[in-house]
Protein backbone atom coordinates (compact mmCIF):
# COMPACT_ATOMS: atom_id res chain seq x y z
CA ARG A 1 8.62 -29.52 1.98
CA THR A 2 5.66 -31.64 1.52
CA GLU A 3 4.42 -35.30 2.49
CA VAL A 4 5.02 -37.96 0.02
CA ILE A 5 1.71 -39.14 -1.65
CA ASP A 6 2.33 -42.92 -2.86
CA ASN A 7 1.35 -44.11 -6.02
CA THR A 8 -0.32 -41.38 -8.08
CA LEU A 9 0.37 -39.15 -11.06
CA ASN A 10 -2.27 -36.58 -9.66
CA PRO A 11 -1.08 -35.71 -5.98
CA ASP A 12 -2.92 -33.54 -4.11
CA PHE A 13 -0.61 -32.69 -1.41
CA VAL A 14 -2.32 -31.35 2.19
CA ARG A 15 0.45 -29.54 3.44
CA LYS A 16 0.54 -25.82 3.34
CA PHE A 17 2.93 -23.14 3.55
CA VAL A 18 2.16 -19.84 5.41
CA LEU A 19 4.21 -16.98 3.70
CA ASP A 20 4.09 -13.17 4.64
CA TYR A 21 2.86 -11.40 1.51
CA TYR A 22 4.27 -7.84 0.24
CA PHE A 23 1.98 -6.43 -2.60
CA GLU A 24 5.03 -4.28 -3.06
CA GLU A 25 7.92 -6.53 -3.26
CA LYS A 26 8.39 -9.16 -5.92
CA GLN A 27 8.41 -12.57 -4.00
CA ASN A 28 10.04 -15.43 -6.39
CA LEU A 29 9.14 -19.01 -5.34
CA ARG A 30 10.48 -22.14 -6.99
CA PHE A 31 8.88 -25.67 -6.84
CA ASP A 32 10.80 -28.46 -7.66
CA VAL A 33 8.94 -31.50 -7.65
CA GLY A 34 10.56 -35.18 -7.37
CA LEU A 35 9.89 -38.97 -7.27
CA CYS A 36 10.63 -40.24 -3.72
CA GLN A 37 13.04 -43.56 -4.10
CA GLU A 38 13.72 -43.81 -0.51
CA PRO A 39 12.14 -42.13 2.74
CA PRO A 40 13.42 -38.64 3.36
CA GLU A 41 15.46 -37.83 6.16
CA PRO A 42 12.92 -35.81 8.47
CA HIS A 43 12.77 -32.18 7.85
CA SER A 44 14.96 -32.07 4.94
CA THR A 45 14.60 -29.25 2.38
CA VAL A 46 16.87 -31.31 -0.50
CA LEU A 47 15.20 -33.97 -2.42
CA GLY A 48 16.33 -37.19 -1.34
CA VAL A 49 17.62 -39.54 -4.01
CA GLN A 50 15.09 -39.50 -6.80
CA ASP A 51 13.74 -39.08 -10.14
CA PHE A 52 13.57 -35.07 -10.89
CA LEU A 53 9.73 -34.77 -12.52
CA GLY A 54 10.24 -31.04 -13.07
CA GLN A 55 10.16 -27.37 -11.66
CA ALA A 56 8.16 -24.24 -11.78
CA PHE A 57 8.95 -20.71 -11.15
CA VAL A 58 6.63 -18.29 -10.07
CA ALA A 59 6.07 -15.02 -8.43
CA LEU A 60 3.68 -14.95 -5.21
CA GLY A 61 2.11 -11.99 -6.91
CA GLU A 62 0.97 -14.06 -9.90
CA VAL A 63 -0.82 -16.61 -7.53
CA ILE A 64 -2.43 -13.56 -5.73
CA GLY A 65 -3.61 -12.07 -8.90
CA SER A 66 -4.75 -15.14 -10.25
CA GLN A 67 -8.72 -15.80 -10.68
CA ARG A 68 -9.37 -16.93 -7.45
CA GLY A 69 -5.67 -17.01 -6.40
CA ARG A 70 -5.60 -20.29 -8.57
CA LEU A 71 -2.68 -20.41 -11.07
CA GLU A 72 -1.63 -23.43 -13.26
CA LYS A 73 1.84 -23.49 -14.38
CA PRO A 74 3.66 -25.96 -16.95
CA LEU A 75 6.36 -27.88 -15.10
CA THR A 76 9.45 -27.76 -16.94
CA GLY A 77 13.34 -28.74 -16.57
CA VAL A 78 13.46 -32.04 -18.36
CA PRO A 79 14.77 -31.39 -21.88
CA GLY A 80 12.29 -32.54 -24.54
CA LYS A 81 9.71 -34.15 -22.21
CA ARG A 82 6.56 -32.69 -21.21
CA CYS A 83 6.31 -32.51 -17.65
CA GLY A 84 2.81 -31.87 -16.72
CA THR A 85 1.17 -29.14 -14.52
CA ILE A 86 1.68 -27.83 -11.01
CA LEU A 87 -1.32 -26.28 -9.01
CA LEU A 88 -1.25 -23.47 -6.85
CA LEU A 89 -3.61 -22.44 -4.74
CA ALA A 90 -3.26 -19.20 -2.36
CA GLU A 91 -5.58 -18.12 0.40
CA GLU A 92 -5.17 -15.27 2.84
CA LEU A 93 -5.36 -16.48 6.56
CA SER A 94 -8.05 -14.25 8.06
CA ASN A 95 -5.99 -13.21 11.21
CA CYS A 96 -8.03 -10.64 12.79
CA ARG A 97 -8.80 -8.12 10.60
CA ASP A 98 -11.64 -6.98 12.54
CA ILE A 99 -12.22 -2.91 13.40
CA VAL A 100 -13.56 -1.76 16.20
CA THR A 101 -15.93 1.19 17.08
CA MET A 102 -16.20 2.39 20.52
CA GLN A 103 -17.29 5.40 22.36
CA LEU A 104 -16.48 6.41 25.99
CA CYS A 105 -17.31 8.95 28.44
CA ALA A 106 -16.02 9.77 32.21
CA ASN A 107 -17.89 10.93 35.53
CA LYS A 108 -16.58 13.18 38.08
CA LEU A 109 -13.01 13.21 37.24
CA ASP A 110 -10.32 14.92 39.53
CA LYS A 111 -9.84 19.00 38.88
CA LYS A 112 -6.48 19.41 37.82
CA ASP A 113 -6.50 23.04 36.63
CA PHE A 114 -6.47 25.94 39.05
CA PHE A 115 -8.78 28.20 37.05
CA GLY A 116 -11.38 26.08 35.21
CA LYS A 117 -12.03 22.22 35.16
CA SER A 118 -9.96 19.67 33.60
CA ASP A 119 -9.58 19.35 29.97
CA PRO A 120 -9.31 15.67 29.92
CA PHE A 121 -8.18 13.00 27.17
CA LEU A 122 -7.65 9.15 27.15
CA VAL A 123 -4.67 7.19 26.08
CA PHE A 124 -4.51 3.76 25.30
CA TYR A 125 -2.09 1.37 25.47
CA ARG A 126 -1.56 -2.11 24.38
CA SER A 127 0.65 -4.50 26.21
CA ASN A 128 3.81 -6.55 24.97
CA GLU A 129 5.16 -9.93 25.29
CA ASP A 130 7.74 -8.52 27.50
CA GLY A 131 5.41 -6.71 29.82
CA THR A 132 6.17 -3.21 28.49
CA PHE A 133 3.03 -0.52 26.90
CA THR A 134 3.00 0.66 23.61
CA ILE A 135 0.84 3.89 22.98
CA CYS A 136 -1.93 2.84 20.23
CA HIS A 137 -4.56 5.56 20.10
CA LYS A 138 -5.20 8.71 21.90
CA THR A 139 -8.77 10.37 21.94
CA GLU A 140 -9.50 14.42 21.35
CA VAL A 141 -9.36 16.49 24.15
CA VAL A 142 -12.72 17.62 25.36
CA LYS A 143 -12.16 21.23 27.15
CA ASN A 144 -12.90 22.69 30.64
CA THR A 145 -15.67 19.54 32.18
CA LEU A 146 -15.12 16.86 34.48
CA ASN A 147 -17.80 14.77 32.79
CA PRO A 148 -16.41 14.41 29.38
CA VAL A 149 -18.31 12.60 26.54
CA TRP A 150 -15.67 11.65 23.61
CA GLN A 151 -16.18 10.92 20.39
CA PRO A 152 -16.58 7.61 18.41
CA PHE A 153 -13.63 6.29 17.53
CA THR A 154 -12.36 3.33 15.44
CA ILE A 155 -9.17 0.95 15.72
CA PRO A 156 -7.99 -2.55 14.54
CA VAL A 157 -8.16 -5.22 16.94
CA ARG A 158 -4.32 -5.91 15.47
CA ALA A 159 -3.66 -2.24 16.83
CA LEU A 160 -6.03 -2.57 20.12
CA CYS A 161 -4.49 -5.98 21.39
CA ASN A 162 -2.32 -7.74 18.46
CA CYS A 163 -5.09 -10.28 18.64
CA ASP A 164 -4.90 -11.81 21.66
CA TYR A 165 -8.55 -10.87 23.13
CA VAL A 166 -7.23 -11.68 26.92
CA ARG A 167 -4.25 -9.40 26.81
CA THR A 168 -4.25 -6.12 29.09
CA VAL A 169 -5.27 -3.03 27.84
CA LYS A 170 -3.99 -0.09 29.90
CA ILE A 171 -5.78 2.88 29.52
CA ASP A 172 -4.53 6.68 30.79
CA VAL A 173 -6.50 9.61 31.27
CA TYR A 174 -4.85 12.77 31.54
CA ASP A 175 -5.70 16.69 31.91
CA TRP A 176 -4.50 18.58 28.72
CA ASP A 177 -2.20 21.36 29.30
CA ARG A 178 -1.26 23.71 26.58
CA ASP A 179 2.69 23.40 27.28
CA GLY A 180 2.58 19.69 26.99
CA SER A 181 2.93 18.73 30.34
CA HIS A 182 -0.37 16.77 30.72
CA ASP A 183 -1.37 15.84 34.26
CA PHE A 184 -2.20 12.48 34.90
CA ILE A 185 -5.74 12.18 36.48
CA GLY A 186 -5.64 7.97 36.78
CA GLU A 187 -5.52 4.86 35.07
CA PHE A 188 -7.48 1.46 34.70
CA ALA A 189 -7.22 -2.05 32.84
CA THR A 190 -9.27 -4.16 30.45
CA SER A 191 -8.91 -6.56 27.65
CA TYR A 192 -10.94 -6.64 24.24
CA ARG A 193 -12.66 -9.62 25.79
CA GLU A 194 -14.17 -7.25 28.65
CA LEU A 195 -14.82 -4.22 26.34
CA SER A 196 -16.79 -6.76 23.87
CA ARG A 197 -19.26 -7.05 26.76
CA ALA A 198 -20.35 -3.68 26.15
CA GLN A 199 -22.10 -4.89 23.15
CA SER A 200 -25.07 -5.95 25.67
CA GLN A 201 -24.38 -3.35 28.55
CA PHE A 202 -22.83 -0.31 29.99
CA THR A 203 -19.49 -1.23 31.44
CA VAL A 204 -18.00 1.13 34.10
CA TYR A 205 -14.35 1.55 35.22
CA GLU A 206 -12.86 3.46 37.98
CA VAL A 207 -10.01 5.77 37.37
CA LEU A 208 -7.80 4.88 40.06
CA ASN A 209 -4.51 7.23 40.98
CA PRO A 210 -1.62 4.47 42.58
CA ARG A 211 0.17 7.94 43.96
CA LYS A 212 -3.22 9.49 45.64
CA LYS A 213 -4.12 5.83 46.80
CA CYS A 214 -0.79 5.32 48.70
CA LYS A 215 -1.27 9.12 49.84
CA LYS A 216 -4.87 8.85 51.48
CA LYS A 217 -6.25 6.47 53.59
CA LYS A 218 -10.06 7.80 52.25
CA TYR A 219 -9.34 7.82 48.41
CA VAL A 220 -11.89 6.15 46.53
CA ASN A 221 -11.30 6.98 43.07
CA SER A 222 -10.26 9.78 40.56
CA GLY A 223 -13.72 9.43 38.62
CA THR A 224 -15.26 7.28 36.44
CA VAL A 225 -15.02 5.99 33.21
CA THR A 226 -17.93 4.50 31.03
CA LEU A 227 -17.84 2.36 28.03
CA LEU A 228 -20.78 3.77 26.02
CA SER A 229 -20.67 1.66 23.23
CA PHE A 230 -18.87 -0.88 21.21
CA SER A 231 -18.98 -2.46 17.75
CA VAL A 232 -16.77 -5.07 15.65
CA GLU A 233 -16.99 -4.96 11.85
CA SER A 234 -14.81 -6.85 9.66
CA GLU A 235 -12.70 -4.76 6.99
CA PHE A 236 -11.86 -6.23 3.49
CA THR A 237 -8.41 -6.50 2.61
CA PHE A 238 -6.23 -5.63 -0.49
CA VAL A 239 -6.14 -9.61 -1.11
CA ASP A 240 -10.23 -9.80 -0.86
CA TYR A 241 -10.66 -7.38 -3.74
CA ILE A 242 -7.37 -8.77 -5.83
CA ARG A 243 -9.31 -12.19 -5.28
CA GLY A 244 -12.58 -11.26 -6.18
CA GLY A 245 -11.50 -10.11 -9.80
CA THR A 246 -10.33 -6.54 -9.43
CA GLN A 247 -7.76 -5.95 -12.44
CA LEU A 248 -4.75 -3.25 -11.92
CA ASN A 249 -4.61 -1.52 -15.01
CA PHE A 250 -0.77 0.05 -15.45
CA THR A 251 -0.44 2.96 -17.70
CA VAL A 252 2.98 4.65 -18.21
CA ALA A 253 3.83 8.38 -19.23
CA ILE A 254 7.61 9.32 -19.43
CA ASP A 255 8.77 12.90 -19.79
CA PHE A 256 10.32 13.94 -23.03
CA THR A 257 11.22 17.51 -22.53
CA ALA A 258 14.51 19.25 -23.51
CA SER A 259 15.76 19.76 -19.62
CA ASN A 260 16.37 16.34 -19.78
CA GLY A 261 19.10 16.46 -21.97
CA LEU A 262 20.07 15.20 -25.62
CA PRO A 263 19.32 10.91 -25.39
CA SER A 264 22.79 10.92 -27.31
CA GLN A 265 24.96 12.75 -24.49
CA PRO A 266 25.75 10.89 -21.61
CA THR A 267 25.27 13.63 -19.38
CA SER A 268 21.36 13.12 -20.61
CA LEU A 269 18.80 11.55 -18.28
CA HIS A 270 17.49 9.52 -20.91
CA TYR A 271 20.92 8.32 -22.10
CA ALA A 272 21.17 4.30 -22.34
CA SER A 273 24.77 3.07 -22.52
CA PRO A 274 25.18 -0.13 -23.84
CA TYR A 275 26.43 -1.24 -19.77
CA GLN A 276 23.49 0.12 -17.92
CA LEU A 277 19.87 1.25 -18.70
CA SER A 278 18.58 4.95 -18.15
CA ALA A 279 17.01 6.41 -14.71
CA TYR A 280 13.62 6.27 -16.54
CA ALA A 281 13.92 2.67 -17.80
CA LEU A 282 15.55 1.42 -14.67
CA ALA A 283 12.25 3.25 -12.75
CA LEU A 284 9.41 1.88 -15.70
CA LYS A 285 11.39 -1.66 -15.01
CA ALA A 286 11.29 -1.66 -11.36
CA VAL A 287 7.43 -0.92 -11.15
CA GLY A 288 6.18 -2.43 -14.06
CA GLU A 289 7.68 -5.89 -13.29
CA VAL A 290 5.82 -5.93 -9.62
CA ILE A 291 2.55 -4.66 -10.88
CA GLN A 292 2.33 -6.50 -13.90
CA ASP A 293 1.39 -10.08 -12.05
CA TYR A 294 -1.74 -8.47 -11.19
CA ASP A 295 -2.78 -7.09 -14.64
CA SER A 296 -4.53 -10.13 -16.77
CA ASP A 297 -3.82 -8.70 -20.62
CA LYS A 298 -0.64 -7.60 -19.79
CA LEU A 299 -1.27 -4.42 -22.01
CA PHE A 300 -0.12 -0.79 -20.71
CA PRO A 301 -0.95 2.22 -22.60
CA ALA A 302 2.48 4.51 -22.70
CA TYR A 303 2.60 7.92 -23.31
CA GLY A 304 5.35 10.53 -23.62
CA PHE A 305 4.86 14.30 -22.71
CA GLY A 306 6.49 17.30 -23.60
CA ALA A 307 7.81 16.73 -27.08
CA LYS A 308 7.96 17.82 -30.53
CA VAL A 309 6.14 14.60 -32.33
CA PRO A 310 6.48 14.19 -36.42
CA PRO A 311 5.01 14.52 -39.10
CA ASP A 312 4.12 18.14 -38.13
CA GLY A 313 6.30 18.69 -35.34
CA LYS A 314 3.63 19.65 -33.36
CA ILE A 315 4.41 19.64 -29.61
CA SER A 316 2.45 17.18 -27.67
CA HIS A 317 1.48 16.26 -24.21
CA GLN A 318 -0.16 12.59 -24.27
CA PHE A 319 1.73 11.14 -27.29
CA PRO A 320 1.60 7.04 -27.39
CA LEU A 321 4.95 5.92 -27.21
CA ASN A 322 4.00 3.25 -29.93
CA ASN A 323 2.99 5.41 -32.44
CA ASN A 324 -0.63 4.04 -32.49
CA VAL A 325 -3.62 6.95 -31.41
CA ASP A 326 -6.14 4.33 -31.66
CA ASN A 327 -4.15 1.78 -29.32
CA PRO A 328 -1.48 2.95 -27.14
CA SER A 329 -1.20 -0.12 -25.11
CA CYS A 330 2.50 -2.15 -25.52
CA ALA A 331 2.85 -5.61 -25.06
CA GLY A 332 4.44 -6.24 -21.15
CA ILE A 333 6.81 -4.08 -19.47
CA GLU A 334 9.24 -4.69 -22.37
CA GLY A 335 7.21 -4.18 -24.79
CA VAL A 336 6.76 -0.44 -23.18
CA LEU A 337 10.72 -0.17 -22.92
CA GLU A 338 10.87 -1.13 -26.33
CA SER A 339 8.44 1.74 -27.70
CA TYR A 340 10.15 4.11 -25.67
CA LEU A 341 13.46 3.93 -26.83
CA GLN A 342 11.99 3.97 -30.36
CA SER A 343 10.14 7.34 -29.16
CA LEU A 344 13.73 8.46 -28.47
CA ARG A 345 14.81 7.98 -31.72
CA THR A 346 11.66 10.02 -33.49
CA VAL A 347 10.68 12.83 -31.35
CA GLN A 348 12.29 15.88 -30.41
CA LEU A 349 12.71 16.67 -26.71
CA TYR A 350 10.93 19.79 -26.12
CA GLY A 351 8.71 21.34 -23.27
CA PRO A 352 6.69 22.50 -20.99
CA THR A 353 6.29 19.91 -18.69
CA ASN A 354 2.41 19.44 -18.55
CA PHE A 355 0.99 16.57 -16.33
CA ALA A 356 -2.85 17.90 -16.42
CA PRO A 357 -3.52 16.20 -20.00
CA VAL A 358 -2.10 12.37 -18.92
CA ILE A 359 -3.54 12.71 -15.92
CA ASN A 360 -7.29 13.64 -17.33
CA GLN A 361 -6.66 10.58 -20.33
CA VAL A 362 -6.07 8.03 -17.59
CA ALA A 363 -9.40 9.73 -15.60
CA GLY A 364 -11.60 9.20 -18.58
CA THR A 365 -10.79 5.73 -18.79
CA ALA A 366 -10.97 5.13 -15.02
CA ALA A 367 -14.24 7.13 -15.12
CA GLN A 368 -16.05 4.72 -17.24
CA VAL A 369 -15.59 1.30 -15.29
CA THR A 370 -16.48 2.75 -11.22
CA ASP A 371 -18.14 -0.69 -9.86
CA GLY A 372 -14.55 -2.08 -8.08
CA SER A 373 -13.86 -4.63 -11.01
CA GLN A 374 -11.32 -2.19 -12.62
CA TYR A 375 -8.18 0.15 -10.88
CA HIS A 376 -5.92 2.29 -12.82
CA VAL A 377 -2.29 2.99 -11.24
CA LEU A 378 -0.45 5.86 -13.48
CA LEU A 379 3.31 5.83 -13.33
CA ILE A 380 4.62 9.59 -14.29
CA ILE A 381 8.48 9.85 -14.69
CA THR A 382 10.01 13.02 -14.85
CA ASP A 383 13.08 15.12 -14.10
CA GLY A 384 10.93 17.66 -12.42
CA VAL A 385 9.88 21.26 -12.97
CA ILE A 386 6.22 21.03 -13.59
CA SER A 387 4.45 24.22 -15.97
CA ASP A 388 0.88 23.36 -15.09
CA MET A 389 0.57 22.77 -11.64
CA LEU A 390 -2.73 24.52 -10.84
CA GLN A 391 -4.33 22.50 -13.75
CA THR A 392 -2.56 19.12 -12.45
CA LYS A 393 -3.76 19.94 -8.98
CA GLU A 394 -7.62 20.66 -10.52
CA ALA A 395 -7.14 17.04 -12.19
CA ILE A 396 -5.71 15.06 -9.15
CA VAL A 397 -8.56 16.59 -7.02
CA THR A 398 -11.21 15.16 -10.12
CA ALA A 399 -9.31 11.88 -9.92
CA SER A 400 -8.91 11.37 -6.05
CA ALA A 401 -13.13 10.66 -6.69
CA LEU A 402 -12.07 7.54 -9.27
CA PRO A 403 -10.89 4.24 -9.24
CA MET A 404 -6.89 5.17 -9.82
CA SER A 405 -3.80 5.89 -8.35
CA ILE A 406 -1.15 8.37 -9.47
CA ILE A 407 2.98 7.22 -8.76
CA ILE A 408 5.49 9.84 -9.37
CA VAL A 409 9.24 9.02 -9.81
CA GLY A 410 11.55 12.12 -9.83
CA VAL A 411 14.82 11.51 -11.95
CA GLY A 412 17.82 13.73 -11.80
CA PRO A 413 19.18 16.15 -9.73
CA ALA A 414 16.23 19.02 -9.57
CA GLU A 415 14.68 20.10 -6.74
CA PHE A 416 11.10 18.47 -6.06
CA GLU A 417 9.44 20.44 -3.98
CA ALA A 418 6.44 20.86 -6.05
CA MET A 419 6.33 16.96 -6.31
CA GLU A 420 5.98 16.76 -2.46
CA GLU A 421 3.16 19.10 -2.44
CA LEU A 422 1.47 17.10 -4.98
CA ASP A 423 2.13 14.02 -2.78
CA GLY A 424 -0.24 15.08 -0.21
CA ASP A 425 1.07 13.44 2.61
CA GLU A 426 1.35 16.10 4.77
CA VAL A 427 -1.40 18.42 3.26
CA ARG A 428 -4.53 17.16 1.01
CA VAL A 429 -4.28 18.29 -2.63
CA SER A 430 -6.47 21.45 -2.89
CA SER A 431 -8.02 23.16 -6.18
CA ARG A 432 -10.49 26.05 -5.87
CA GLY A 433 -11.52 25.56 -2.65
CA ARG A 434 -12.33 21.71 -3.37
CA TYR A 435 -10.03 19.32 -1.50
CA ALA A 436 -8.92 15.62 -3.06
CA GLU A 437 -11.60 13.24 -1.94
CA ARG A 438 -8.25 10.90 -0.67
CA ASP A 439 -4.79 11.14 -0.62
CA ILE A 440 -4.01 8.99 -4.59
CA VAL A 441 -0.36 10.79 -5.17
CA GLN A 442 2.83 8.91 -4.34
CA PHE A 443 6.29 10.81 -5.07
CA VAL A 444 9.89 9.29 -4.84
CA PRO A 445 13.20 10.79 -5.67
CA PHE A 446 14.95 8.27 -7.73
CA ARG A 447 18.32 9.69 -6.71
CA ASP A 448 17.34 7.95 -2.85
CA TYR A 449 17.58 4.67 -4.23
CA VAL A 450 20.89 4.56 -6.71
CA ASP A 451 22.92 2.44 -4.50
CA ASP A 452 26.37 3.51 -4.26
CA SER A 453 27.97 0.45 -5.29
CA GLY A 454 26.31 0.70 -8.50
CA ASN A 455 24.07 -2.66 -7.53
CA GLN A 456 21.10 -1.50 -9.79
CA VAL A 457 19.01 -4.83 -9.04
CA LEU A 458 18.70 -3.77 -5.16
CA SER A 459 18.23 -0.21 -5.78
CA MET A 460 15.00 -1.21 -8.25
CA ALA A 461 13.64 -3.73 -5.38
CA ARG A 462 13.67 -0.94 -3.13
CA LEU A 463 12.46 1.60 -5.47
CA ALA A 464 9.45 -0.71 -6.34
CA LYS A 465 8.90 -1.19 -2.68
CA ASP A 466 8.45 2.29 -1.74
CA VAL A 467 6.50 3.45 -4.68
CA LEU A 468 4.21 0.84 -4.28
CA ALA A 469 3.43 0.56 -0.94
CA GLU A 470 0.89 2.86 -0.45
CA ILE A 471 -1.27 1.32 -3.61
CA PRO A 472 -3.26 -1.34 -1.49
CA GLU A 473 -4.17 1.52 1.15
CA GLN A 474 -4.77 3.71 -1.60
CA LEU A 475 -7.34 1.13 -3.46
CA LEU A 476 -9.06 0.14 -0.46
CA SER A 477 -9.86 3.49 0.59
CA TYR A 478 -11.49 4.35 -2.48
CA MET A 479 -13.52 0.80 -2.36
CA LYS A 480 -14.57 1.91 1.44
CA THR A 481 -15.47 5.85 0.23
CA HIS A 482 -17.65 4.17 -2.44
CA ASP A 483 -19.18 1.28 -0.17
CA ILE A 484 -17.84 -1.62 -2.75
CA LYS A 485 -17.48 -4.82 -1.34
CA PRO A 486 -15.34 -7.48 -2.82
CA ARG A 487 -16.95 -9.84 -5.17
C-alpha cells in the first residue's frame, strides 16, 4: 500500500516496493487505485472506506520489458468511465553485482607426500549467519611443489561473502591425493575488505594447522599464502540489457512428422479435444506467454517441419504455419496457435525429422543484427527421433556465435538421448572438430511436467520456468563474449 497523497488528480507516489524478479516466471501484479475518505488503518492492505478509482493488471516482465522500465497502463473497472492511467517504473537494485578476480601463491608449505613434495590446492568458504561455512571456490591443483602459484580466478562477491564486506572468508590449504583423501596442510581467515586492500599492496597470510600448533611448542606455521593481485569489476545483468533496449525475438518450430499420429485420433500428440489443448499447444502457450512480454511488436515467426505441404505435396522442413512465405509472423501467441491448428487441417504429416533447416533459418536472421539490440529464441517442439543429427550439430555450432538460444521441448513417450546430447550441459556440442562457442540449447521432456492431478496451469508454469531458466545466462554469455555493454 502506498502513502495517501492529498488533494490531487496526478499523484506521484514515493513508496517503493521491492520484489524478487524471475525472468522465467509469469509474475502477475494487480494495482487498485482508491480515493481515501478516512485515514486508513496502519499496515492495512485493504483499501479503507473510499471511492474506487480503477485498477490495472500487469505482469512484472511487461514493466521490465518496456522501454527504460517505464510502463503506462489505462486504469479500468468502472463501467462507462475513463479512469485515467497508472505509470509504473521499475529499477533494479544494484545489490552487489561485483565480480572479483584474484591470484594467490604460497611459500614453504608443509611437505605431506612420502615421495616428492605436496600437490597443493586452496578451498574457499564463506561464513553463514549461523556460524557454519559453505564452500564457494576450489583452485586447481599445482603438482609437486611447496611454493605453488595458482592461476587467477574470478568469483562473484555474492558467492564469496554474500555482499557483507566484513564477513569471514575461511581458506583451507590441502595436499591433493589421487584417492580423494586430501591431506589438510592448514588454514587462514580473511574478509572481502581485507582482500581488497591487496589492490595497493601484497598481503601475506600465515597458514596454521591447529593440531600441529597444540602438539608442537616450537611450531610457527605451515607456510604462507600471498595474495598477488585482486581486482573488482561490475557485472551487467540481464535486466540491464532488457532496459537498454535489447529485444527478445521469439520463433516457433513445430514437428509435423507422421510419428506424432493422425491429428484426428485421440492417441495423436497433436490431438486437441474439446476439453484440453494438445501437448504441442500447451508447450507453446507456456513458453510463449512468458517471452511475449519482452518482444515489443508481439509478432512471432512460426514454422512447421516434416510435412507434405499443399498445393504440390512437397516435403518441407520450414513451412510458415500462416501459409505466407514472405511474412511467416503471427500476431501474438494466440495467432501462432490459430495458424498451428489451421496447418494441422491442411498439411500431410510425413517425415523425416530435420532440425537443421529451421535452426539455420533463425541463425540467418540473427546474423543480420549482432550489436546486442536483438536476441533470438527458437522454440522447437518435437516428438523426438532426430534424422539429421550431424547437420543439426553443425547448425548449433555455427549458431552458438550468434545472438540466439534454442529451446527444445520433447513431447510423447520417446527416448530423448539425442536431445540430451544437443543440450550440451555435460559435454559441449561439437561438429567436425569445432566446438560450440557457448551452450545455447536447453532441452526438457514434456512428460516430466504433466501433473498427476491434471492441473495444466501448474504444469505449464513449471515447464516455462525450467525451459526459460537458462535464457538470461545465455544472453549474458553472448554479450560478454562479444564485449557488448548495455545501451
